[in-house]
N, C-alpha and C. Protein backbone atom coordinates (compact mmCIF):
# COMPACT_ATOMS: atom_id res chain seq x y z
N UNK A 1 58.47 -13.49 -40.85
CA UNK A 1 59.24 -12.47 -40.17
C UNK A 1 58.47 -11.86 -39.01
N UNK A 2 57.20 -12.15 -38.88
CA UNK A 2 56.43 -11.61 -37.77
C UNK A 2 55.78 -10.29 -38.11
N UNK A 3 55.02 -9.79 -37.19
CA UNK A 3 54.31 -8.53 -37.38
C UNK A 3 55.17 -7.39 -36.87
N UNK A 4 55.28 -6.35 -37.69
CA UNK A 4 56.04 -5.18 -37.27
C UNK A 4 55.25 -4.41 -36.22
N UNK A 5 55.95 -3.81 -35.31
CA UNK A 5 55.32 -3.00 -34.27
C UNK A 5 54.72 -1.73 -34.89
N UNK A 6 53.48 -1.41 -34.49
CA UNK A 6 52.88 -0.16 -34.93
C UNK A 6 53.56 0.99 -34.19
N UNK A 7 53.86 2.04 -34.93
CA UNK A 7 54.49 3.19 -34.31
C UNK A 7 53.55 4.38 -34.38
N UNK A 8 53.69 5.29 -33.43
CA UNK A 8 52.93 6.54 -33.36
C UNK A 8 51.44 6.30 -33.13
N UNK A 9 51.09 5.14 -32.61
CA UNK A 9 49.71 4.86 -32.24
C UNK A 9 49.70 4.58 -30.75
N UNK A 10 48.98 5.39 -29.96
CA UNK A 10 48.97 5.17 -28.52
C UNK A 10 48.47 3.76 -28.17
N UNK A 11 49.07 3.17 -27.16
CA UNK A 11 48.69 1.82 -26.73
C UNK A 11 47.21 1.74 -26.38
N UNK A 12 46.66 2.80 -25.79
CA UNK A 12 45.24 2.82 -25.44
C UNK A 12 44.37 2.68 -26.68
N UNK A 13 44.80 3.31 -27.76
CA UNK A 13 44.05 3.20 -29.01
C UNK A 13 44.06 1.77 -29.51
N UNK A 14 45.22 1.15 -29.49
CA UNK A 14 45.33 -0.24 -29.95
C UNK A 14 44.48 -1.15 -29.07
N UNK A 15 44.53 -0.95 -27.76
CA UNK A 15 43.78 -1.79 -26.84
C UNK A 15 42.27 -1.65 -27.04
N UNK A 16 41.82 -0.48 -27.52
CA UNK A 16 40.38 -0.22 -27.66
C UNK A 16 39.93 -0.14 -29.12
N UNK A 17 40.73 -0.65 -30.03
CA UNK A 17 40.42 -0.50 -31.44
C UNK A 17 39.06 -1.10 -31.82
N UNK A 18 38.64 -2.13 -31.10
CA UNK A 18 37.35 -2.76 -31.41
C UNK A 18 36.24 -2.20 -30.54
N UNK A 19 36.55 -1.23 -29.70
CA UNK A 19 35.55 -0.59 -28.85
C UNK A 19 35.71 0.93 -28.98
N UNK A 20 35.39 1.48 -30.17
CA UNK A 20 35.66 2.90 -30.42
C UNK A 20 34.90 3.86 -29.51
N UNK A 21 33.79 3.41 -28.91
CA UNK A 21 33.04 4.30 -28.03
C UNK A 21 33.80 4.60 -26.75
N UNK A 22 34.81 3.80 -26.44
CA UNK A 22 35.59 4.05 -25.23
C UNK A 22 36.68 5.09 -25.46
N UNK A 23 36.88 5.48 -26.70
CA UNK A 23 37.90 6.47 -27.02
C UNK A 23 37.28 7.86 -27.09
N UNK A 24 38.01 8.85 -26.67
CA UNK A 24 37.56 10.23 -26.77
C UNK A 24 38.27 10.86 -27.97
N UNK A 25 37.49 11.33 -28.92
CA UNK A 25 38.05 11.94 -30.12
C UNK A 25 37.84 13.44 -30.01
N UNK A 26 38.93 14.19 -30.10
CA UNK A 26 38.84 15.65 -29.98
C UNK A 26 39.60 16.30 -31.13
N UNK A 27 39.23 17.51 -31.42
CA UNK A 27 39.89 18.28 -32.47
C UNK A 27 41.23 18.78 -31.96
N UNK A 28 42.24 18.68 -32.80
CA UNK A 28 43.56 19.20 -32.49
C UNK A 28 43.91 20.22 -33.57
N UNK A 29 43.70 21.51 -33.30
CA UNK A 29 43.93 22.53 -34.32
C UNK A 29 45.37 22.62 -34.79
N UNK A 30 46.32 22.05 -34.03
CA UNK A 30 47.72 22.09 -34.42
C UNK A 30 48.09 20.96 -35.36
N UNK A 31 47.16 20.06 -35.65
CA UNK A 31 47.41 18.93 -36.52
C UNK A 31 46.95 19.29 -37.93
N UNK A 32 47.52 18.61 -38.94
CA UNK A 32 47.10 18.90 -40.31
C UNK A 32 45.82 18.17 -40.68
N UNK A 33 45.44 17.18 -39.90
CA UNK A 33 44.16 16.51 -40.07
C UNK A 33 43.24 16.98 -38.95
N UNK A 34 41.99 17.16 -39.28
CA UNK A 34 41.05 17.67 -38.29
C UNK A 34 39.90 16.69 -38.09
N UNK A 35 39.51 16.52 -36.85
CA UNK A 35 38.37 15.68 -36.51
C UNK A 35 37.26 16.60 -36.04
N UNK A 36 36.08 16.45 -36.65
CA UNK A 36 34.94 17.29 -36.32
C UNK A 36 33.76 16.41 -35.92
N UNK A 37 32.87 16.97 -35.15
CA UNK A 37 31.64 16.28 -34.78
C UNK A 37 30.60 16.49 -35.89
N UNK A 38 29.95 15.41 -36.28
CA UNK A 38 28.90 15.50 -37.29
C UNK A 38 27.83 16.49 -36.86
N UNK A 39 27.40 16.40 -35.60
CA UNK A 39 26.31 17.26 -35.13
C UNK A 39 26.64 18.75 -35.22
N UNK A 40 27.92 19.10 -35.07
CA UNK A 40 28.29 20.51 -35.19
C UNK A 40 28.01 21.04 -36.59
N UNK A 41 28.18 20.20 -37.60
CA UNK A 41 27.95 20.63 -38.97
C UNK A 41 26.50 20.45 -39.38
N UNK A 42 25.78 19.57 -38.71
CA UNK A 42 24.34 19.43 -38.96
C UNK A 42 23.63 20.66 -38.39
N UNK A 43 24.05 21.07 -37.19
CA UNK A 43 23.48 22.24 -36.51
C UNK A 43 24.44 23.43 -36.63
N UNK A 44 24.93 23.68 -37.83
CA UNK A 44 26.00 24.64 -38.05
C UNK A 44 25.69 26.05 -37.57
N UNK A 45 24.46 26.45 -37.60
CA UNK A 45 24.11 27.82 -37.16
C UNK A 45 24.41 28.05 -35.69
N UNK A 46 24.30 26.99 -34.88
CA UNK A 46 24.53 27.11 -33.43
C UNK A 46 25.94 26.68 -33.03
N UNK A 47 26.59 25.83 -33.82
CA UNK A 47 27.78 25.14 -33.33
C UNK A 47 29.11 25.62 -33.88
N UNK A 48 29.14 26.12 -35.09
CA UNK A 48 30.42 26.42 -35.72
C UNK A 48 30.89 27.84 -35.40
N UNK A 49 32.18 28.06 -35.66
CA UNK A 49 32.74 29.39 -35.37
C UNK A 49 32.18 30.43 -36.34
N UNK A 50 32.34 31.67 -35.99
CA UNK A 50 31.72 32.79 -36.71
C UNK A 50 32.14 32.83 -38.19
N UNK A 51 33.40 32.61 -38.46
CA UNK A 51 33.91 32.66 -39.83
C UNK A 51 33.28 31.57 -40.69
N UNK A 52 33.21 30.35 -40.17
CA UNK A 52 32.63 29.23 -40.92
C UNK A 52 31.14 29.47 -41.15
N UNK A 53 30.44 29.92 -40.10
CA UNK A 53 29.01 30.23 -40.24
C UNK A 53 28.79 31.30 -41.30
N UNK A 54 29.66 32.29 -41.31
CA UNK A 54 29.55 33.37 -42.28
C UNK A 54 29.73 32.85 -43.70
N UNK A 55 30.73 31.97 -43.90
CA UNK A 55 30.97 31.39 -45.23
C UNK A 55 29.78 30.60 -45.72
N UNK A 56 29.25 29.75 -44.85
CA UNK A 56 28.10 28.92 -45.24
C UNK A 56 26.87 29.79 -45.47
N UNK A 57 26.62 30.72 -44.54
CA UNK A 57 25.44 31.58 -44.63
C UNK A 57 25.45 32.45 -45.88
N UNK A 58 26.62 33.00 -46.19
CA UNK A 58 26.75 33.87 -47.36
C UNK A 58 26.39 33.11 -48.64
N UNK A 59 26.93 31.93 -48.79
CA UNK A 59 26.65 31.16 -50.00
C UNK A 59 25.22 30.64 -50.00
N UNK A 60 24.72 30.24 -48.82
CA UNK A 60 23.33 29.77 -48.72
C UNK A 60 22.35 30.85 -49.15
N UNK A 61 22.61 32.09 -48.74
CA UNK A 61 21.72 33.20 -49.09
C UNK A 61 21.78 33.51 -50.59
N UNK A 62 22.96 33.30 -51.20
CA UNK A 62 23.14 33.62 -52.61
C UNK A 62 22.65 32.53 -53.55
N UNK A 63 22.31 31.38 -52.99
CA UNK A 63 21.87 30.24 -53.81
C UNK A 63 20.37 30.07 -53.68
N UNK A 64 19.74 29.77 -54.78
CA UNK A 64 18.35 29.38 -54.76
C UNK A 64 18.32 27.95 -54.24
N UNK A 65 17.70 27.72 -53.07
CA UNK A 65 17.73 26.41 -52.42
C UNK A 65 17.25 25.28 -53.34
N UNK A 66 16.28 25.56 -54.21
CA UNK A 66 15.81 24.53 -55.12
C UNK A 66 16.84 24.20 -56.18
N UNK A 67 17.79 25.10 -56.38
CA UNK A 67 18.78 24.87 -57.44
C UNK A 67 19.94 23.98 -56.98
N UNK A 68 20.05 23.73 -55.66
CA UNK A 68 21.14 22.91 -55.14
C UNK A 68 20.74 21.44 -55.19
N UNK A 69 21.60 20.64 -55.77
CA UNK A 69 21.37 19.20 -55.85
C UNK A 69 22.65 18.47 -55.44
N UNK A 70 22.49 17.42 -54.66
CA UNK A 70 23.62 16.60 -54.25
C UNK A 70 23.48 15.27 -54.97
N UNK A 71 24.46 14.97 -55.80
CA UNK A 71 24.39 13.78 -56.65
C UNK A 71 25.44 12.77 -56.20
N UNK A 72 24.99 11.62 -55.66
CA UNK A 72 25.96 10.56 -55.32
C UNK A 72 26.55 9.97 -56.61
N UNK A 73 27.83 9.64 -56.57
CA UNK A 73 28.51 9.08 -57.72
C UNK A 73 28.90 7.64 -57.39
N UNK A 74 28.53 6.71 -58.26
CA UNK A 74 28.84 5.30 -58.05
C UNK A 74 30.26 5.03 -58.56
N UNK A 75 31.19 4.87 -57.63
CA UNK A 75 32.59 4.68 -58.00
C UNK A 75 32.92 3.24 -58.35
N UNK A 76 31.93 2.35 -58.27
CA UNK A 76 32.15 0.97 -58.69
C UNK A 76 32.09 0.85 -60.21
N UNK A 77 31.62 1.91 -60.86
CA UNK A 77 31.50 1.92 -62.32
C UNK A 77 32.54 2.87 -62.91
N UNK A 78 32.99 2.56 -64.11
CA UNK A 78 33.98 3.39 -64.79
C UNK A 78 33.48 4.82 -64.99
N UNK A 79 32.17 4.97 -65.28
CA UNK A 79 31.62 6.31 -65.50
C UNK A 79 31.81 7.18 -64.25
N UNK A 80 31.59 6.59 -63.08
CA UNK A 80 31.78 7.33 -61.83
C UNK A 80 33.22 7.73 -61.61
N UNK A 81 34.13 6.80 -61.85
CA UNK A 81 35.56 7.10 -61.72
C UNK A 81 35.98 8.20 -62.69
N UNK A 82 35.52 8.09 -63.93
CA UNK A 82 35.87 9.10 -64.93
C UNK A 82 35.32 10.47 -64.56
N UNK A 83 34.10 10.49 -64.04
CA UNK A 83 33.48 11.75 -63.62
C UNK A 83 34.30 12.41 -62.50
N UNK A 84 34.71 11.63 -61.51
CA UNK A 84 35.52 12.17 -60.41
C UNK A 84 36.86 12.67 -60.93
N UNK A 85 37.49 11.90 -61.79
CA UNK A 85 38.79 12.34 -62.36
C UNK A 85 38.61 13.65 -63.13
N UNK A 86 37.52 13.73 -63.90
CA UNK A 86 37.24 14.95 -64.67
C UNK A 86 37.07 16.15 -63.73
N UNK A 87 36.20 16.01 -62.74
CA UNK A 87 35.94 17.14 -61.84
C UNK A 87 37.14 17.48 -60.97
N UNK A 88 38.00 16.52 -60.70
CA UNK A 88 39.18 16.85 -59.91
C UNK A 88 40.15 17.73 -60.70
N UNK A 89 39.98 17.78 -62.02
CA UNK A 89 40.80 18.64 -62.87
C UNK A 89 40.14 19.98 -63.18
N UNK A 90 38.83 20.02 -63.19
CA UNK A 90 38.08 21.17 -63.69
C UNK A 90 38.44 22.47 -62.98
N UNK A 91 38.55 22.43 -61.65
CA UNK A 91 38.68 23.67 -60.90
C UNK A 91 40.12 24.03 -60.53
N UNK A 92 41.09 23.30 -61.06
CA UNK A 92 42.48 23.58 -60.71
C UNK A 92 42.99 24.82 -61.42
N UNK A 93 43.76 25.61 -60.71
CA UNK A 93 44.43 26.76 -61.31
C UNK A 93 45.92 26.44 -61.28
N UNK A 94 46.47 26.25 -62.46
CA UNK A 94 47.88 25.84 -62.55
C UNK A 94 48.71 27.08 -62.87
N UNK A 95 49.19 27.72 -61.81
CA UNK A 95 49.87 28.99 -62.02
C UNK A 95 51.35 28.98 -61.68
N UNK A 96 51.89 27.86 -61.24
CA UNK A 96 53.32 27.80 -60.97
C UNK A 96 53.76 26.35 -60.94
N UNK A 97 55.06 26.11 -61.05
CA UNK A 97 55.57 24.75 -61.01
C UNK A 97 55.28 24.09 -59.67
N UNK A 98 55.37 24.85 -58.59
CA UNK A 98 55.07 24.30 -57.26
C UNK A 98 53.62 23.87 -57.20
N UNK A 99 52.74 24.69 -57.70
CA UNK A 99 51.31 24.37 -57.71
C UNK A 99 51.07 23.14 -58.58
N UNK A 100 51.72 23.08 -59.74
CA UNK A 100 51.56 21.94 -60.64
C UNK A 100 52.03 20.66 -59.97
N UNK A 101 53.16 20.70 -59.28
CA UNK A 101 53.68 19.51 -58.59
C UNK A 101 52.71 19.05 -57.50
N UNK A 102 52.15 20.00 -56.76
CA UNK A 102 51.19 19.66 -55.71
C UNK A 102 49.92 19.05 -56.31
N UNK A 103 49.45 19.61 -57.41
CA UNK A 103 48.25 19.10 -58.09
C UNK A 103 48.51 17.68 -58.61
N UNK A 104 49.68 17.45 -59.21
CA UNK A 104 50.01 16.11 -59.71
C UNK A 104 50.06 15.09 -58.58
N UNK A 105 50.60 15.50 -57.44
CA UNK A 105 50.65 14.61 -56.28
C UNK A 105 49.24 14.26 -55.81
N UNK A 106 48.37 15.27 -55.75
CA UNK A 106 46.99 15.02 -55.33
C UNK A 106 46.26 14.14 -56.33
N UNK A 107 46.48 14.36 -57.62
CA UNK A 107 45.84 13.52 -58.63
C UNK A 107 46.30 12.06 -58.52
N UNK A 108 47.56 11.87 -58.18
CA UNK A 108 48.06 10.51 -57.95
C UNK A 108 47.36 9.89 -56.75
N UNK A 109 47.18 10.66 -55.68
CA UNK A 109 46.48 10.16 -54.49
C UNK A 109 45.03 9.82 -54.82
N UNK A 110 44.36 10.66 -55.60
CA UNK A 110 42.97 10.38 -56.00
C UNK A 110 42.91 9.12 -56.85
N UNK A 111 43.84 8.98 -57.79
CA UNK A 111 43.86 7.79 -58.64
C UNK A 111 44.04 6.54 -57.79
N UNK A 112 44.97 6.57 -56.85
CA UNK A 112 45.19 5.40 -56.00
C UNK A 112 43.96 5.08 -55.16
N UNK A 113 43.31 6.11 -54.66
CA UNK A 113 42.09 5.90 -53.87
C UNK A 113 40.99 5.29 -54.75
N UNK A 114 40.83 5.81 -55.95
CA UNK A 114 39.80 5.30 -56.86
C UNK A 114 40.11 3.87 -57.32
N UNK A 115 41.40 3.54 -57.43
CA UNK A 115 41.78 2.18 -57.81
C UNK A 115 41.29 1.16 -56.79
N UNK A 116 41.10 1.59 -55.55
CA UNK A 116 40.67 0.70 -54.47
C UNK A 116 39.27 1.07 -53.96
N UNK A 117 38.50 1.73 -54.81
CA UNK A 117 37.18 2.23 -54.39
C UNK A 117 36.27 1.13 -53.87
N UNK A 118 36.26 -0.01 -54.53
CA UNK A 118 35.38 -1.10 -54.09
C UNK A 118 35.82 -1.66 -52.74
N UNK A 119 37.10 -1.89 -52.58
CA UNK A 119 37.61 -2.47 -51.34
C UNK A 119 37.39 -1.53 -50.16
N UNK A 120 37.67 -0.25 -50.36
CA UNK A 120 37.57 0.74 -49.28
C UNK A 120 36.18 1.35 -49.15
N UNK A 121 35.26 0.97 -50.04
CA UNK A 121 33.91 1.55 -50.05
C UNK A 121 33.96 3.07 -50.18
N UNK A 122 34.78 3.53 -51.12
CA UNK A 122 34.93 4.96 -51.37
C UNK A 122 33.69 5.47 -52.09
N UNK A 123 33.23 6.65 -51.67
CA UNK A 123 32.04 7.26 -52.25
C UNK A 123 32.37 8.70 -52.66
N UNK A 124 31.51 9.24 -53.48
CA UNK A 124 31.70 10.64 -53.91
C UNK A 124 30.34 11.31 -54.05
N UNK A 125 30.34 12.61 -53.80
CA UNK A 125 29.16 13.45 -53.97
C UNK A 125 29.55 14.61 -54.86
N UNK A 126 28.71 14.91 -55.83
CA UNK A 126 28.89 16.11 -56.64
C UNK A 126 27.78 17.08 -56.22
N UNK A 127 28.19 18.29 -55.85
CA UNK A 127 27.23 19.34 -55.50
C UNK A 127 27.01 20.17 -56.76
N UNK A 128 25.74 20.32 -57.12
CA UNK A 128 25.40 21.08 -58.32
C UNK A 128 24.52 22.27 -57.96
N UNK A 129 24.70 23.36 -58.68
CA UNK A 129 23.83 24.52 -58.57
C UNK A 129 23.25 24.78 -59.96
N UNK A 130 21.94 24.69 -60.06
CA UNK A 130 21.25 24.85 -61.34
C UNK A 130 21.82 23.90 -62.40
N UNK A 131 22.12 22.66 -61.97
CA UNK A 131 22.62 21.64 -62.88
C UNK A 131 24.10 21.72 -63.19
N UNK A 132 24.77 22.75 -62.67
CA UNK A 132 26.20 22.93 -62.93
C UNK A 132 27.00 22.46 -61.71
N UNK A 133 27.95 21.53 -61.88
CA UNK A 133 28.77 21.08 -60.75
C UNK A 133 29.59 22.23 -60.16
N UNK A 134 29.53 22.37 -58.83
CA UNK A 134 30.32 23.42 -58.18
C UNK A 134 31.31 22.85 -57.16
N UNK A 135 31.12 21.58 -56.76
CA UNK A 135 32.10 20.95 -55.87
C UNK A 135 31.96 19.44 -55.89
N UNK A 136 33.01 18.80 -55.40
CA UNK A 136 33.09 17.35 -55.37
C UNK A 136 33.70 16.93 -54.04
N UNK A 137 33.06 15.98 -53.37
CA UNK A 137 33.59 15.44 -52.11
C UNK A 137 33.81 13.94 -52.29
N UNK A 138 35.02 13.47 -52.01
CA UNK A 138 35.35 12.05 -52.04
C UNK A 138 35.57 11.61 -50.60
N UNK A 139 34.92 10.52 -50.19
CA UNK A 139 35.00 10.09 -48.80
C UNK A 139 34.87 8.58 -48.67
N UNK A 140 35.24 8.07 -47.50
CA UNK A 140 35.00 6.66 -47.21
C UNK A 140 34.80 6.47 -45.71
N UNK A 141 34.28 5.30 -45.38
CA UNK A 141 34.04 4.95 -43.98
C UNK A 141 35.00 3.83 -43.60
N UNK A 142 35.89 4.09 -42.63
CA UNK A 142 36.79 3.03 -42.18
C UNK A 142 36.04 1.97 -41.38
N UNK A 143 36.69 0.87 -41.05
CA UNK A 143 36.01 -0.23 -40.36
C UNK A 143 35.45 0.12 -38.97
N UNK A 144 35.90 1.19 -38.35
CA UNK A 144 35.44 1.51 -36.99
C UNK A 144 33.98 1.94 -36.95
N UNK A 145 33.39 2.26 -38.08
CA UNK A 145 31.94 2.49 -38.23
C UNK A 145 31.36 3.78 -37.71
N UNK A 146 31.96 4.51 -36.81
CA UNK A 146 31.27 5.68 -36.28
C UNK A 146 31.81 7.00 -36.84
N UNK A 147 32.65 6.93 -37.87
CA UNK A 147 33.12 8.18 -38.48
C UNK A 147 33.40 8.00 -39.97
N UNK A 148 33.51 9.12 -40.63
CA UNK A 148 33.76 9.20 -42.08
C UNK A 148 35.09 9.93 -42.26
N UNK A 149 35.82 9.56 -43.29
CA UNK A 149 37.02 10.31 -43.67
C UNK A 149 36.72 11.00 -45.00
N UNK A 150 36.76 12.33 -44.98
CA UNK A 150 36.65 13.09 -46.21
C UNK A 150 38.06 13.17 -46.79
N UNK A 151 38.28 12.43 -47.88
CA UNK A 151 39.62 12.31 -48.44
C UNK A 151 40.01 13.49 -49.32
N UNK A 152 39.10 13.90 -50.19
CA UNK A 152 39.43 14.99 -51.13
C UNK A 152 38.19 15.85 -51.35
N UNK A 153 38.42 17.14 -51.37
CA UNK A 153 37.38 18.11 -51.68
C UNK A 153 37.90 18.99 -52.81
N UNK A 154 37.15 19.03 -53.89
CA UNK A 154 37.49 19.88 -55.02
C UNK A 154 36.31 20.80 -55.26
N UNK A 155 36.58 22.06 -55.51
CA UNK A 155 35.46 22.97 -55.70
C UNK A 155 35.82 24.16 -56.58
N UNK A 156 34.78 24.81 -57.03
CA UNK A 156 34.90 26.02 -57.84
C UNK A 156 34.99 27.20 -56.88
N UNK A 157 36.19 27.72 -56.69
CA UNK A 157 36.41 28.78 -55.71
C UNK A 157 35.86 30.13 -56.15
N UNK A 158 35.24 30.18 -57.31
CA UNK A 158 34.58 31.45 -57.67
C UNK A 158 33.33 31.64 -56.81
N UNK A 159 32.89 30.59 -56.14
CA UNK A 159 31.78 30.68 -55.18
C UNK A 159 32.37 30.92 -53.80
N UNK A 160 32.24 32.10 -53.29
CA UNK A 160 32.78 32.45 -51.98
C UNK A 160 32.12 31.60 -50.89
N UNK A 161 32.95 30.91 -50.09
CA UNK A 161 32.44 30.07 -49.02
C UNK A 161 32.17 28.64 -49.43
N UNK A 162 32.51 28.26 -50.66
CA UNK A 162 32.17 26.94 -51.20
C UNK A 162 32.79 25.80 -50.39
N UNK A 163 33.98 25.99 -49.86
CA UNK A 163 34.65 24.93 -49.11
C UNK A 163 33.81 24.50 -47.90
N UNK A 164 33.47 25.44 -47.04
CA UNK A 164 32.66 25.14 -45.85
C UNK A 164 31.25 24.71 -46.25
N UNK A 165 30.69 25.32 -47.28
CA UNK A 165 29.36 24.98 -47.77
C UNK A 165 29.31 23.51 -48.19
N UNK A 166 30.37 23.04 -48.87
CA UNK A 166 30.43 21.65 -49.31
C UNK A 166 30.51 20.69 -48.14
N UNK A 167 31.31 21.03 -47.13
CA UNK A 167 31.36 20.19 -45.92
C UNK A 167 29.97 20.08 -45.30
N UNK A 168 29.31 21.22 -45.14
CA UNK A 168 28.00 21.23 -44.50
C UNK A 168 26.99 20.40 -45.29
N UNK A 169 26.94 20.58 -46.61
CA UNK A 169 26.00 19.82 -47.44
C UNK A 169 26.33 18.32 -47.42
N UNK A 170 27.61 17.98 -47.47
CA UNK A 170 28.02 16.57 -47.47
C UNK A 170 27.64 15.89 -46.17
N UNK A 171 27.94 16.54 -45.04
CA UNK A 171 27.59 15.98 -43.73
C UNK A 171 26.08 15.78 -43.63
N UNK A 172 25.32 16.78 -44.03
CA UNK A 172 23.86 16.66 -43.94
C UNK A 172 23.32 15.58 -44.87
N UNK A 173 23.88 15.45 -46.06
CA UNK A 173 23.44 14.40 -46.98
C UNK A 173 23.72 13.02 -46.38
N UNK A 174 24.93 12.81 -45.89
CA UNK A 174 25.29 11.51 -45.30
C UNK A 174 24.42 11.23 -44.08
N UNK A 175 24.21 12.24 -43.24
CA UNK A 175 23.37 12.08 -42.05
C UNK A 175 21.93 11.70 -42.45
N UNK A 176 21.40 12.32 -43.48
CA UNK A 176 20.03 12.02 -43.92
C UNK A 176 19.91 10.60 -44.49
N UNK A 177 21.02 10.09 -45.06
CA UNK A 177 21.01 8.73 -45.59
C UNK A 177 21.05 7.69 -44.47
N UNK A 178 21.83 7.98 -43.42
CA UNK A 178 21.99 7.06 -42.29
C UNK A 178 21.99 7.86 -40.99
N UNK A 179 20.81 8.28 -40.54
CA UNK A 179 20.73 9.14 -39.35
C UNK A 179 21.41 8.53 -38.12
N UNK A 180 22.15 9.37 -37.44
CA UNK A 180 22.80 9.05 -36.17
C UNK A 180 23.84 7.93 -36.25
N UNK A 181 24.22 7.51 -37.45
CA UNK A 181 25.24 6.46 -37.56
C UNK A 181 26.64 6.99 -37.27
N UNK A 182 26.90 8.20 -37.74
CA UNK A 182 28.25 8.75 -37.63
C UNK A 182 28.31 9.85 -36.59
N UNK A 183 29.38 9.84 -35.80
CA UNK A 183 29.58 10.87 -34.78
C UNK A 183 30.62 11.90 -35.22
N UNK A 184 31.58 11.47 -36.03
CA UNK A 184 32.72 12.31 -36.38
C UNK A 184 33.06 12.21 -37.85
N UNK A 185 33.78 13.21 -38.34
CA UNK A 185 34.44 13.06 -39.63
C UNK A 185 35.82 13.65 -39.53
N UNK A 186 36.72 13.06 -40.31
CA UNK A 186 38.10 13.51 -40.38
C UNK A 186 38.26 14.18 -41.74
N UNK A 187 38.71 15.42 -41.72
CA UNK A 187 38.93 16.16 -42.97
C UNK A 187 40.43 16.20 -43.22
N UNK A 188 40.86 15.52 -44.25
CA UNK A 188 42.30 15.46 -44.53
C UNK A 188 42.71 16.57 -45.45
């Protein structure tokens, strides 16, 4: 039947799909997906907006730096998949049918992502404070090589600023593993 035409993808993007450095990637605050520069989160004190810096700084000051540990999770093994599924449930607050429906939809998305973890090279990081998990980041690297997609972030919201803190720690961990490899990340 032939190949279906791609829709909603600019022709310039298609023409340069194998040459990503020729594309300019910018943040669009009106979009539900956000593209950020890795360096902005590595140098967060100088680069991020006041509110985000405040969230990260507040939690950083309240945490004993030696007590923070970033634990990579091997999703190629059942134990890793089970751990991610467990933590994706731990911090949920199920307070209404709408919330429950949204949580079930997200759990289905996580399950589907984990089902293809090997093919998509999906990875996960568990952030721990004093040995206690406080957040989970699930991410993968698409074939274009210069960016990461953060697919799911789950965290214990009793820690004020944990959302931004997890982004910052995840970006820095990935950067330390492969310095200067990634320029951007997409937060879905």
